[in-house]
Amino acid sequence: MLKWWIIWFISLPIFLVTYVSSFFITSKIAYAPQSECKPMFIFTPQDVQYCSDIYPIDVILIALKTNPISYLCIASGLYLVVFLLFVGIRLILKCLKLKE
């Protein structure tokens, strides 16, 4: 179990660094001219007034398309959450088993 905690602590800074880098890269979409940002829209209507009105799902999809490091952010974030859920459920089951 110790090695899984070590991996969890290693994935924490990986998640934070990749999240911050992908956040800054995708935040540039709001300042792009309309001729650049409108062709990238998937779910956002083409008649929006400003590129900053983009839907959040489009921001995520554009980030995954233009910045592959975003996949690492998603994978490490999922590992962080799933591991903590696993440990929590295991602890609850252990406590319930001791009460019986």
PDB file of N, CA and C in Angstrom:
ATOM      1  N   MET A   1       0.826  -1.197   0.000  1.00  0.00           N
ATOM      2  CA  MET A   1       0.000   0.000   0.000  1.00  0.00           C
ATOM      3  C   MET A   1       0.872   1.263   0.000  1.00  0.00           C
ATOM      4  N   LEU A   2       2.068   1.146   0.539  1.00  0.00           N
ATOM      5  CA  LEU A   2       2.952   2.306   0.599  1.00  0.00           C
ATOM      6  C   LEU A   2       3.332   2.796  -0.792  1.00  0.00           C
ATOM      7  N   LYS A   3       3.556   1.858  -1.714  1.00  0.00           N
ATOM      8  CA  LYS A   3       3.948   2.293  -3.059  1.00  0.00           C
ATOM      9  C   LYS A   3       2.831   3.063  -3.741  1.00  0.00           C
ATOM     10  N   TRP A   4       1.551   2.740  -3.438  1.00  0.00           N
ATOM     11  CA  TRP A   4       0.446   3.479  -4.032  1.00  0.00           C
ATOM     12  C   TRP A   4       0.366   4.894  -3.479  1.00  0.00           C
ATOM     13  N   TRP A   5       0.707   5.066  -2.205  1.00  0.00           N
ATOM     14  CA  TRP A   5       0.754   6.416  -1.633  1.00  0.00           C
ATOM     15  C   TRP A   5       1.894   7.221  -2.236  1.00  0.00           C
ATOM     16  N   ILE A   6       3.014   6.565  -2.490  1.00  0.00           N
ATOM     17  CA  ILE A   6       4.146   7.259  -3.127  1.00  0.00           C
ATOM     18  C   ILE A   6       3.755   7.725  -4.518  1.00  0.00           C
ATOM     19  N   ILE A   7       3.087   6.844  -5.274  1.00  0.00           N
ATOM     20  CA  ILE A   7       2.627   7.228  -6.609  1.00  0.00           C
ATOM     21  C   ILE A   7       1.619   8.365  -6.511  1.00  0.00           C
ATOM     22  N   TRP A   8       0.759   8.341  -5.480  1.00  0.00           N
ATOM     23  CA  TRP A   8      -0.226   9.403  -5.308  1.00  0.00           C
ATOM     24  C   TRP A   8       0.465  10.743  -5.060  1.00  0.00           C
ATOM     25  N   PHE A   9       1.479  10.747  -4.191  1.00  0.00           N
ATOM     26  CA  PHE A   9       2.193  11.995  -3.907  1.00  0.00           C
ATOM     27  C   PHE A   9       2.995  12.480  -5.107  1.00  0.00           C
ATOM     28  N   ILE A  10       3.450  11.571  -5.957  1.00  0.00           N
ATOM     29  CA  ILE A  10       4.149  11.974  -7.182  1.00  0.00           C
ATOM     30  C   ILE A  10       3.163  12.546  -8.191  1.00  0.00           C
ATOM     31  N   SER A  11       1.972  11.952  -8.274  1.00  0.00           N
ATOM     32  CA  SER A  11       0.998  12.424  -9.254  1.00  0.00           C
ATOM     33  C   SER A  11       0.367  13.758  -8.873  1.00  0.00           C
ATOM     34  N   LEU A  12       0.436  14.133  -7.614  1.00  0.00           N
ATOM     35  CA  LEU A  12      -0.128  15.413  -7.186  1.00  0.00           C
ATOM     36  C   LEU A  12       0.559  16.608  -7.859  1.00  0.00           C
ATOM     37  N   PRO A  13       1.895  16.728  -7.807  1.00  0.00           N
ATOM     38  CA  PRO A  13       2.510  17.861  -8.507  1.00  0.00           C
ATOM     39  C   PRO A  13       2.386  17.743 -10.031  1.00  0.00           C
ATOM     40  N   ILE A  14       2.357  16.506 -10.559  1.00  0.00           N
ATOM     41  CA  ILE A  14       2.169  16.341 -11.998  1.00  0.00           C
ATOM     42  C   ILE A  14       0.812  16.905 -12.403  1.00  0.00           C
ATOM     43  N   PHE A  15      -0.210  16.598 -11.622  1.00  0.00           N
ATOM     44  CA  PHE A  15      -1.544  17.118 -11.906  1.00  0.00           C
ATOM     45  C   PHE A  15      -1.553  18.642 -11.832  1.00  0.00           C
ATOM     46  N   LEU A  16      -0.979  19.202 -10.797  1.00  0.00           N
ATOM     47  CA  LEU A  16      -1.013  20.660 -10.625  1.00  0.00           C
ATOM     48  C   LEU A  16      -0.271  21.386 -11.745  1.00  0.00           C
ATOM     49  N   VAL A  17       0.894  20.882 -12.119  1.00  0.00           N
ATOM     50  CA  VAL A  17       1.684  21.533 -13.176  1.00  0.00           C
ATOM     51  C   VAL A  17       0.975  21.438 -14.520  1.00  0.00           C
ATOM     52  N   THR A  18       0.461  20.253 -14.856  1.00  0.00           N
ATOM     53  CA  THR A  18      -0.217  20.113 -16.141  1.00  0.00           C
ATOM     54  C   THR A  18      -1.535  20.873 -16.168  1.00  0.00           C
ATOM     55  N   TYR A  19      -2.221  20.948 -15.040  1.00  0.00           N
ATOM     56  CA  TYR A  19      -3.471  21.719 -14.989  1.00  0.00           C
ATOM     57  C   TYR A  19      -3.197  23.197 -15.216  1.00  0.00           C
ATOM     58  N   VAL A  20      -2.206  23.721 -14.538  1.00  0.00           N
ATOM     59  CA  VAL A  20      -1.902  25.147 -14.678  1.00  0.00           C
ATOM     60  C   VAL A  20      -1.436  25.466 -16.093  1.00  0.00           C
ATOM     61  N   SER A  21      -0.588  24.614 -16.665  1.00  0.00           N
ATOM     62  CA  SER A  21      -0.106  24.890 -18.026  1.00  0.00           C
ATOM     63  C   SER A  21      -1.236  24.806 -19.041  1.00  0.00           C
ATOM     64  N   SER A  22      -2.095  23.813 -18.931  1.00  0.00           N
ATOM     65  CA  SER A  22      -3.201  23.723 -19.889  1.00  0.00           C
ATOM     66  C   SER A  22      -4.223  24.830 -19.653  1.00  0.00           C
ATOM     67  N   PHE A  23      -4.374  25.277 -18.418  1.00  0.00           N
ATOM     68  CA  PHE A  23      -5.294  26.383 -18.126  1.00  0.00           C
ATOM     69  C   PHE A  23      -4.823  27.662 -18.797  1.00  0.00           C
ATOM     70  N   PHE A  24      -3.532  27.957 -18.707  1.00  0.00           N
ATOM     71  CA  PHE A  24      -3.026  29.182 -19.322  1.00  0.00           C
ATOM     72  C   PHE A  24      -3.061  29.112 -20.839  1.00  0.00           C
ATOM     73  N   ILE A  25      -2.806  27.953 -21.391  1.00  0.00           N
ATOM     74  CA  ILE A  25      -2.834  27.822 -22.847  1.00  0.00           C
ATOM     75  C   ILE A  25      -4.257  27.988 -23.375  1.00  0.00           C
ATOM     76  N   THR A  26      -5.219  27.370 -22.711  1.00  0.00           N
ATOM     77  CA  THR A  26      -6.601  27.477 -23.185  1.00  0.00           C
ATOM     78  C   THR A  26      -7.234  28.817 -22.853  1.00  0.00           C
ATOM     79  N   SER A  27      -6.699  29.548 -21.889  1.00  0.00           N
ATOM     80  CA  SER A  27      -7.266  30.861 -21.586  1.00  0.00           C
ATOM     81  C   SER A  27      -6.938  31.866 -22.678  1.00  0.00           C
ATOM     82  N   LYS A  28      -5.988  31.543 -23.530  1.00  0.00           N
ATOM     83  CA  LYS A  28      -5.652  32.433 -24.643  1.00  0.00           C
ATOM     84  C   LYS A  28      -6.763  32.464 -25.691  1.00  0.00           C
ATOM     85  N   ILE A  29      -7.656  31.485 -25.653  1.00  0.00           N
ATOM     86  CA  ILE A  29      -8.765  31.444 -26.622  1.00  0.00           C
ATOM     87  C   ILE A  29      -9.643  32.681 -26.478  1.00  0.00           C
ATOM     88  N   ALA A  30      -9.837  33.142 -25.265  1.00  0.00           N
ATOM     89  CA  ALA A  30     -10.706  34.291 -25.018  1.00  0.00           C
ATOM     90  C   ALA A  30     -10.176  35.564 -25.666  1.00  0.00           C
ATOM     91  N   TYR A  31      -8.877  35.640 -25.879  1.00  0.00           N
ATOM     92  CA  TYR A  31      -8.282  36.846 -26.443  1.00  0.00           C
ATOM     93  C   TYR A  31      -7.956  36.707 -27.921  1.00  0.00           C
ATOM     94  N   ALA A  32      -8.255  35.571 -28.501  1.00  0.00           N
ATOM     95  CA  ALA A  32      -7.964  35.347 -29.920  1.00  0.00           C
ATOM     96  C   ALA A  32      -8.974  36.109 -30.773  1.00  0.00           C
ATOM     97  N   PRO A  33      -8.565  36.514 -31.962  1.00  0.00           N
ATOM     98  CA  PRO A  33      -9.539  37.150 -32.858  1.00  0.00           C
ATOM     99  C   PRO A  33     -10.593  36.135 -33.309  1.00  0.00           C
ATOM    100  N   GLN A  34     -11.755  36.626 -33.673  1.00  0.00           N
ATOM    101  CA  GLN A  34     -12.854  35.740 -34.031  1.00  0.00           C
ATOM    102  C   GLN A  34     -12.524  34.868 -35.243  1.00  0.00           C
ATOM    103  N   SER A  35     -11.695  35.358 -36.135  1.00  0.00           N
ATOM    104  CA  SER A  35     -11.340  34.556 -37.309  1.00  0.00           C
ATOM    105  C   SER A  35     -10.526  33.327 -36.926  1.00  0.00           C
ATOM    106  N   GLU A  36      -9.819  33.395 -35.792  1.00  0.00           N
ATOM    107  CA  GLU A  36      -9.037  32.246 -35.323  1.00  0.00           C
ATOM    108  C   GLU A  36      -9.836  31.301 -34.443  1.00  0.00           C
ATOM    109  N   CYS A  37     -10.688  31.834 -33.590  1.00  0.00           N
ATOM    110  CA  CYS A  37     -11.357  30.977 -32.610  1.00  0.00           C
ATOM    111  C   CYS A  37     -12.620  30.315 -33.141  1.00  0.00           C
ATOM    112  N   LYS A  38     -13.351  30.962 -34.036  1.00  0.00           N
ATOM    113  CA  LYS A  38     -14.618  30.389 -34.502  1.00  0.00           C
ATOM    114  C   LYS A  38     -14.454  29.060 -35.237  1.00  0.00           C
ATOM    115  N   PRO A  39     -13.432  28.838 -36.029  1.00  0.00           N
ATOM    116  CA  PRO A  39     -13.293  27.517 -36.668  1.00  0.00           C
ATOM    117  C   PRO A  39     -13.033  26.383 -35.664  1.00  0.00           C
ATOM    118  N   MET A  40     -12.573  26.700 -34.464  1.00  0.00           N
ATOM    119  CA  MET A  40     -12.291  25.675 -33.462  1.00  0.00           C
ATOM    120  C   MET A  40     -13.533  25.263 -32.677  1.00  0.00           C
ATOM    121  N   PHE A  41     -14.622  26.036 -32.783  1.00  0.00           N
ATOM    122  CA  PHE A  41     -15.839  25.741 -32.020  1.00  0.00           C
ATOM    123  C   PHE A  41     -16.456  24.424 -32.485  1.00  0.00           C
ATOM    124  N   ILE A  42     -16.916  23.638 -31.529  1.00  0.00           N
ATOM    125  CA  ILE A  42     -17.605  22.391 -31.840  1.00  0.00           C
ATOM    126  C   ILE A  42     -19.060  22.488 -31.380  1.00  0.00           C
ATOM    127  N   PHE A  43     -19.280  22.845 -30.120  1.00  0.00           N
ATOM    128  CA  PHE A  43     -20.626  22.944 -29.568  1.00  0.00           C
ATOM    129  C   PHE A  43     -21.104  24.391 -29.441  1.00  0.00           C
ATOM    130  N   THR A  44     -20.189  25.323 -29.415  1.00  0.00           N
ATOM    131  CA  THR A  44     -20.543  26.729 -29.298  1.00  0.00           C
ATOM    132  C   THR A  44     -21.125  27.213 -30.625  1.00  0.00           C
ATOM    133  N   PRO A  45     -22.233  27.935 -30.596  1.00  0.00           N
ATOM    134  CA  PRO A  45     -22.795  28.457 -31.847  1.00  0.00           C
ATOM    135  C   PRO A  45     -21.819  29.410 -32.542  1.00  0.00           C
ATOM    136  N   GLN A  46     -21.887  29.452 -33.848  1.00  0.00           N
ATOM    137  CA  GLN A  46     -20.975  30.299 -34.626  1.00  0.00           C
ATOM    138  C   GLN A  46     -21.328  31.784 -34.541  1.00  0.00           C
ATOM    139  N   ASP A  47     -22.496  32.102 -34.034  1.00  0.00           N
ATOM    140  CA  ASP A  47     -22.909  33.503 -33.999  1.00  0.00           C
ATOM    141  C   ASP A  47     -22.637  34.195 -32.660  1.00  0.00           C
ATOM    142  N   VAL A  48     -21.731  33.663 -31.838  1.00  0.00           N
ATOM    143  CA  VAL A  48     -21.396  34.344 -30.576  1.00  0.00           C
ATOM    144  C   VAL A  48     -20.647  35.628 -30.894  1.00  0.00           C
ATOM    145  N   GLN A  49     -20.798  36.605 -30.026  1.00  0.00           N
ATOM    146  CA  GLN A  49     -20.187  37.915 -30.259  1.00  0.00           C
ATOM    147  C   GLN A  49     -18.690  37.926 -29.976  1.00  0.00           C
ATOM    148  N   TYR A  50     -18.283  37.219 -28.903  1.00  0.00           N
ATOM    149  CA  TYR A  50     -16.888  37.253 -28.486  1.00  0.00           C
ATOM    150  C   TYR A  50     -16.376  35.833 -28.305  1.00  0.00           C
ATOM    151  N   CYS A  51     -15.093  35.653 -28.478  1.00  0.00           N
ATOM    152  CA  CYS A  51     -14.495  34.333 -28.284  1.00  0.00           C
ATOM    153  C   CYS A  51     -14.517  33.919 -26.820  1.00  0.00           C
ATOM    154  N   SER A  52     -14.650  34.851 -25.930  1.00  0.00           N
ATOM    155  CA  SER A  52     -14.704  34.521 -24.505  1.00  0.00           C
ATOM    156  C   SER A  52     -16.043  33.883 -24.116  1.00  0.00           C
ATOM    157  N   ASP A  53     -17.027  33.903 -25.014  1.00  0.00           N
ATOM    158  CA  ASP A  53     -18.330  33.287 -24.748  1.00  0.00           C
ATOM    159  C   ASP A  53     -18.359  31.804 -25.093  1.00  0.00           C
ATOM    160  N   ILE A  54     -17.219  31.217 -25.260  1.00  0.00           N
ATOM    161  CA  ILE A  54     -17.119  29.806 -25.642  1.00  0.00           C
ATOM    162  C   ILE A  54     -17.637  28.910 -24.527  1.00  0.00           C
ATOM    163  N   TYR A  55     -18.274  27.802 -24.899  1.00  0.00           N
ATOM    164  CA  TYR A  55     -18.776  26.838 -23.920  1.00  0.00           C
ATOM    165  C   TYR A  55     -17.607  26.107 -23.259  1.00  0.00           C
ATOM    166  N   PRO A  56     -17.746  25.745 -21.979  1.00  0.00           N
ATOM    167  CA  PRO A  56     -16.654  25.035 -21.286  1.00  0.00           C
ATOM    168  C   PRO A  56     -16.259  23.711 -21.947  1.00  0.00           C
ATOM    169  N   ILE A  57     -17.234  22.995 -22.515  1.00  0.00           N
ATOM    170  CA  ILE A  57     -16.897  21.733 -23.175  1.00  0.00           C
ATOM    171  C   ILE A  57     -15.998  21.979 -24.387  1.00  0.00           C
ATOM    172  N   ASP A  58     -16.223  23.085 -25.078  1.00  0.00           N
ATOM    173  CA  ASP A  58     -15.346  23.420 -26.206  1.00  0.00           C
ATOM    174  C   ASP A  58     -13.939  23.773 -25.728  1.00  0.00           C
ATOM    175  N   VAL A  59     -13.840  24.434 -24.587  1.00  0.00           N
ATOM    176  CA  VAL A  59     -12.514  24.754 -24.042  1.00  0.00           C
ATOM    177  C   VAL A  59     -11.746  23.464 -23.758  1.00  0.00           C
ATOM    178  N   ILE A  60     -12.434  22.483 -23.171  1.00  0.00           N
ATOM    179  CA  ILE A  60     -11.774  21.210 -22.862  1.00  0.00           C
ATOM    180  C   ILE A  60     -11.365  20.489 -24.135  1.00  0.00           C
ATOM    181  N   LEU A  61     -12.259  20.441 -25.114  1.00  0.00           N
ATOM    182  CA  LEU A  61     -11.946  19.743 -26.364  1.00  0.00           C
ATOM    183  C   LEU A  61     -10.827  20.425 -27.144  1.00  0.00           C
ATOM    184  N   ILE A  62     -10.824  21.745 -27.149  1.00  0.00           N
ATOM    185  CA  ILE A  62      -9.749  22.473 -27.826  1.00  0.00           C
ATOM    186  C   ILE A  62      -8.426  22.259 -27.101  1.00  0.00           C
ATOM    187  N   ALA A  63      -8.478  22.223 -25.773  1.00  0.00           N
ATOM    188  CA  ALA A  63      -7.255  21.979 -25.006  1.00  0.00           C
ATOM    189  C   ALA A  63      -6.693  20.596 -25.309  1.00  0.00           C
ATOM    190  N   LEU A  64      -7.563  19.599 -25.413  1.00  0.00           N
ATOM    191  CA  LEU A  64      -7.094  18.247 -25.718  1.00  0.00           C
ATOM    192  C   LEU A  64      -6.543  18.157 -27.140  1.00  0.00           C
ATOM    193  N   LYS A  65      -7.131  18.931 -28.043  1.00  0.00           N
ATOM    194  CA  LYS A  65      -6.685  18.889 -29.432  1.00  0.00           C
ATOM    195  C   LYS A  65      -5.365  19.640 -29.632  1.00  0.00           C
ATOM    196  N   THR A  66      -5.228  20.798 -29.003  1.00  0.00           N
ATOM    197  CA  THR A  66      -4.047  21.631 -29.243  1.00  0.00           C
ATOM    198  C   THR A  66      -2.916  21.394 -28.238  1.00  0.00           C
ATOM    199  N   ASN A  67      -3.242  20.838 -27.079  1.00  0.00           N
ATOM    200  CA  ASN A  67      -2.248  20.673 -26.029  1.00  0.00           C
ATOM    201  C   ASN A  67      -2.338  19.249 -25.469  1.00  0.00           C
ATOM    202  N   PRO A  68      -1.584  18.307 -26.027  1.00  0.00           N
ATOM    203  CA  PRO A  68      -1.702  16.908 -25.587  1.00  0.00           C
ATOM    204  C   PRO A  68      -1.343  16.676 -24.115  1.00  0.00           C
ATOM    205  N   ILE A  69      -0.672  17.611 -23.476  1.00  0.00           N
ATOM    206  CA  ILE A  69      -0.327  17.429 -22.062  1.00  0.00           C
ATOM    207  C   ILE A  69      -1.587  17.452 -21.193  1.00  0.00           C
ATOM    208  N   SER A  70      -2.684  17.926 -21.748  1.00  0.00           N
ATOM    209  CA  SER A  70      -3.946  17.923 -21.016  1.00  0.00           C
ATOM    210  C   SER A  70      -4.412  16.514 -20.698  1.00  0.00           C
ATOM    211  N   TYR A  71      -4.066  15.544 -21.539  1.00  0.00           N
ATOM    212  CA  TYR A  71      -4.414  14.152 -21.255  1.00  0.00           C
ATOM    213  C   TYR A  71      -3.744  13.691 -19.958  1.00  0.00           C
ATOM    214  N   LEU A  72      -2.507  14.121 -19.743  1.00  0.00           N
ATOM    215  CA  LEU A  72      -1.792  13.782 -18.513  1.00  0.00           C
ATOM    216  C   LEU A  72      -2.483  14.404 -17.310  1.00  0.00           C
ATOM    217  N   CYS A  73      -2.982  15.597 -17.471  1.00  0.00           N
ATOM    218  CA  CYS A  73      -3.718  16.268 -16.394  1.00  0.00           C
ATOM    219  C   CYS A  73      -4.971  15.477 -16.033  1.00  0.00           C
ATOM    220  N   ILE A  74      -5.713  15.044 -17.028  1.00  0.00           N
ATOM    221  CA  ILE A  74      -6.936  14.285 -16.777  1.00  0.00           C
ATOM    222  C   ILE A  74      -6.618  12.942 -16.136  1.00  0.00           C
ATOM    223  N   ALA A  75      -5.607  12.256 -16.653  1.00  0.00           N
ATOM    224  CA  ALA A  75      -5.267  10.937 -16.116  1.00  0.00           C
ATOM    225  C   ALA A  75      -4.786  11.021 -14.667  1.00  0.00           C
ATOM    226  N   SER A  76      -3.902  11.976 -14.379  1.00  0.00           N
ATOM    227  CA  SER A  76      -3.399  12.094 -13.010  1.00  0.00           C
ATOM    228  C   SER A  76      -4.492  12.582 -12.062  1.00  0.00           C
ATOM    229  N   GLY A  77      -5.375  13.453 -12.522  1.00  0.00           N
ATOM    230  CA  GLY A  77      -6.482  13.907 -11.694  1.00  0.00           C
ATOM    231  C   GLY A  77      -7.445  12.773 -11.362  1.00  0.00           C
ATOM    232  N   LEU A  78      -7.737  11.936 -12.357  1.00  0.00           N
ATOM    233  CA  LEU A  78      -8.595  10.776 -12.110  1.00  0.00           C
ATOM    234  C   LEU A  78      -7.941   9.815 -11.124  1.00  0.00           C
ATOM    235  N   TYR A  79      -6.626   9.621 -11.255  1.00  0.00           N
ATOM    236  CA  TYR A  79      -5.926   8.733 -10.319  1.00  0.00           C
ATOM    237  C   TYR A  79      -6.013   9.279  -8.896  1.00  0.00           C
ATOM    238  N   LEU A  80      -5.834  10.572  -8.738  1.00  0.00           N
ATOM    239  CA  LEU A  80      -5.896  11.174  -7.407  1.00  0.00           C
ATOM    240  C   LEU A  80      -7.264  10.937  -6.760  1.00  0.00           C
ATOM    241  N   VAL A  81      -8.309  11.168  -7.497  1.00  0.00           N
ATOM    242  CA  VAL A  81      -9.658  11.032  -6.952  1.00  0.00           C
ATOM    243  C   VAL A  81     -10.018   9.567  -6.704  1.00  0.00           C
ATOM    244  N   VAL A  82      -9.756   8.711  -7.683  1.00  0.00           N
ATOM    245  CA  VAL A  82     -10.133   7.302  -7.557  1.00  0.00           C
ATOM    246  C   VAL A  82      -9.358   6.628  -6.425  1.00  0.00           C
ATOM    247  N   PHE A  83      -8.090   6.954  -6.279  1.00  0.00           N
ATOM    248  CA  PHE A  83      -7.304   6.350  -5.203  1.00  0.00           C
ATOM    249  C   PHE A  83      -7.840   6.754  -3.837  1.00  0.00           C
ATOM    250  N   LEU A  84      -8.172   8.036  -3.670  1.00  0.00           N
ATOM    251  CA  LEU A  84      -8.721   8.476  -2.389  1.00  0.00           C
ATOM    252  C   LEU A  84     -10.078   7.824  -2.115  1.00  0.00           C
ATOM    253  N   LEU A  85     -10.902   7.673  -3.146  1.00  0.00           N
ATOM    254  CA  LEU A  85     -12.171   6.970  -2.963  1.00  0.00           C
ATOM    255  C   LEU A  85     -11.941   5.515  -2.561  1.00  0.00           C
ATOM    256  N   PHE A  86     -10.977   4.863  -3.207  1.00  0.00           N
ATOM    257  CA  PHE A  86     -10.651   3.478  -2.891  1.00  0.00           C
ATOM    258  C   PHE A  86     -10.204   3.332  -1.443  1.00  0.00           C
ATOM    259  N   VAL A  87      -9.324   4.206  -1.004  1.00  0.00           N
ATOM    260  CA  VAL A  87      -8.831   4.153   0.372  1.00  0.00           C
ATOM    261  C   VAL A  87      -9.971   4.432   1.360  1.00  0.00           C
ATOM    262  N   GLY A  88     -10.829   5.409   1.044  1.00  0.00           N
ATOM    263  CA  GLY A  88     -11.942   5.730   1.923  1.00  0.00           C
ATOM    264  C   GLY A  88     -12.937   4.579   2.048  1.00  0.00           C
ATOM    265  N   ILE A  89     -13.295   3.972   0.931  1.00  0.00           N
ATOM    266  CA  ILE A  89     -14.229   2.842   0.962  1.00  0.00           C
ATOM    267  C   ILE A  89     -13.616   1.666   1.695  1.00  0.00           C
ATOM    268  N   ARG A  90     -12.343   1.432   1.462  1.00  0.00           N
ATOM    269  CA  ARG A  90     -11.660   0.329   2.156  1.00  0.00           C
ATOM    270  C   ARG A  90     -11.643   0.561   3.663  1.00  0.00           C
ATOM    271  N   LEU A  91     -11.410   1.789   4.069  1.00  0.00           N
ATOM    272  CA  LEU A  91     -11.403   2.126   5.493  1.00  0.00           C
ATOM    273  C   LEU A  91     -12.793   1.958   6.113  1.00  0.00           C
ATOM    274  N   ILE A  92     -13.825   2.382   5.400  1.00  0.00           N
ATOM    275  CA  ILE A  92     -15.197   2.231   5.899  1.00  0.00           C
ATOM    276  C   ILE A  92     -15.554   0.756   6.037  1.00  0.00           C
ATOM    277  N   LEU A  93     -15.208  -0.044   5.037  1.00  0.00           N
ATOM    278  CA  LEU A  93     -15.500  -1.475   5.103  1.00  0.00           C
ATOM    279  C   LEU A  93     -14.753  -2.155   6.250  1.00  0.00           C
ATOM    280  N   LYS A  94     -13.520  -1.692   6.488  1.00  0.00           N
ATOM    281  CA  LYS A  94     -12.741  -2.260   7.594  1.00  0.00           C
ATOM    282  C   LYS A  94     -13.385  -1.910   8.935  1.00  0.00           C
ATOM    283  N   CYS A  95     -13.868  -0.683   9.074  1.00  0.00           N
ATOM    284  CA  CYS A  95     -14.530  -0.273  10.326  1.00  0.00           C
ATOM    285  C   CYS A  95     -15.838  -1.033  10.525  1.00  0.00           C
ATOM    286  N   LEU A  96     -16.590  -1.255   9.464  1.00  0.00           N
ATOM    287  CA  LEU A  96     -17.834  -2.009   9.562  1.00  0.00           C
ATOM    288  C   LEU A  96     -17.557  -3.473   9.927  1.00  0.00           C
ATOM    289  N   LYS A  97     -16.482  -4.018   9.412  1.00  0.00           N
ATOM    290  CA  LYS A  97     -16.122  -5.386   9.702  1.00  0.00           C
ATOM    291  C   LYS A  97     -15.700  -5.553  11.160  1.00  0.00           C
ATOM    292  N   LEU A  98     -15.024  -4.548  11.719  1.00  0.00           N
ATOM    293  CA  LEU A  98     -14.601  -4.601  13.133  1.00  0.00           C
ATOM    294  C   LEU A  98     -15.783  -4.505  14.076  1.00  0.00           C
ATOM    295  N   LYS A  99     -16.844  -3.803  13.683  1.00  0.00           N
ATOM    296  CA  LYS A  99     -18.029  -3.666  14.540  1.00  0.00           C
ATOM    297  C   LYS A  99     -18.813  -4.961  14.647  1.00  0.00           C
ATOM    298  N   GLU A 100     -18.699  -5.812  13.641  1.00  0.00           N
ATOM    299  CA  GLU A 100     -19.453  -7.070  13.661  1.00  0.00           C
ATOM    300  C   GLU A 100     -18.853  -8.101  14.538  1.00  0.00           C
TER     301      GLU A 100
END
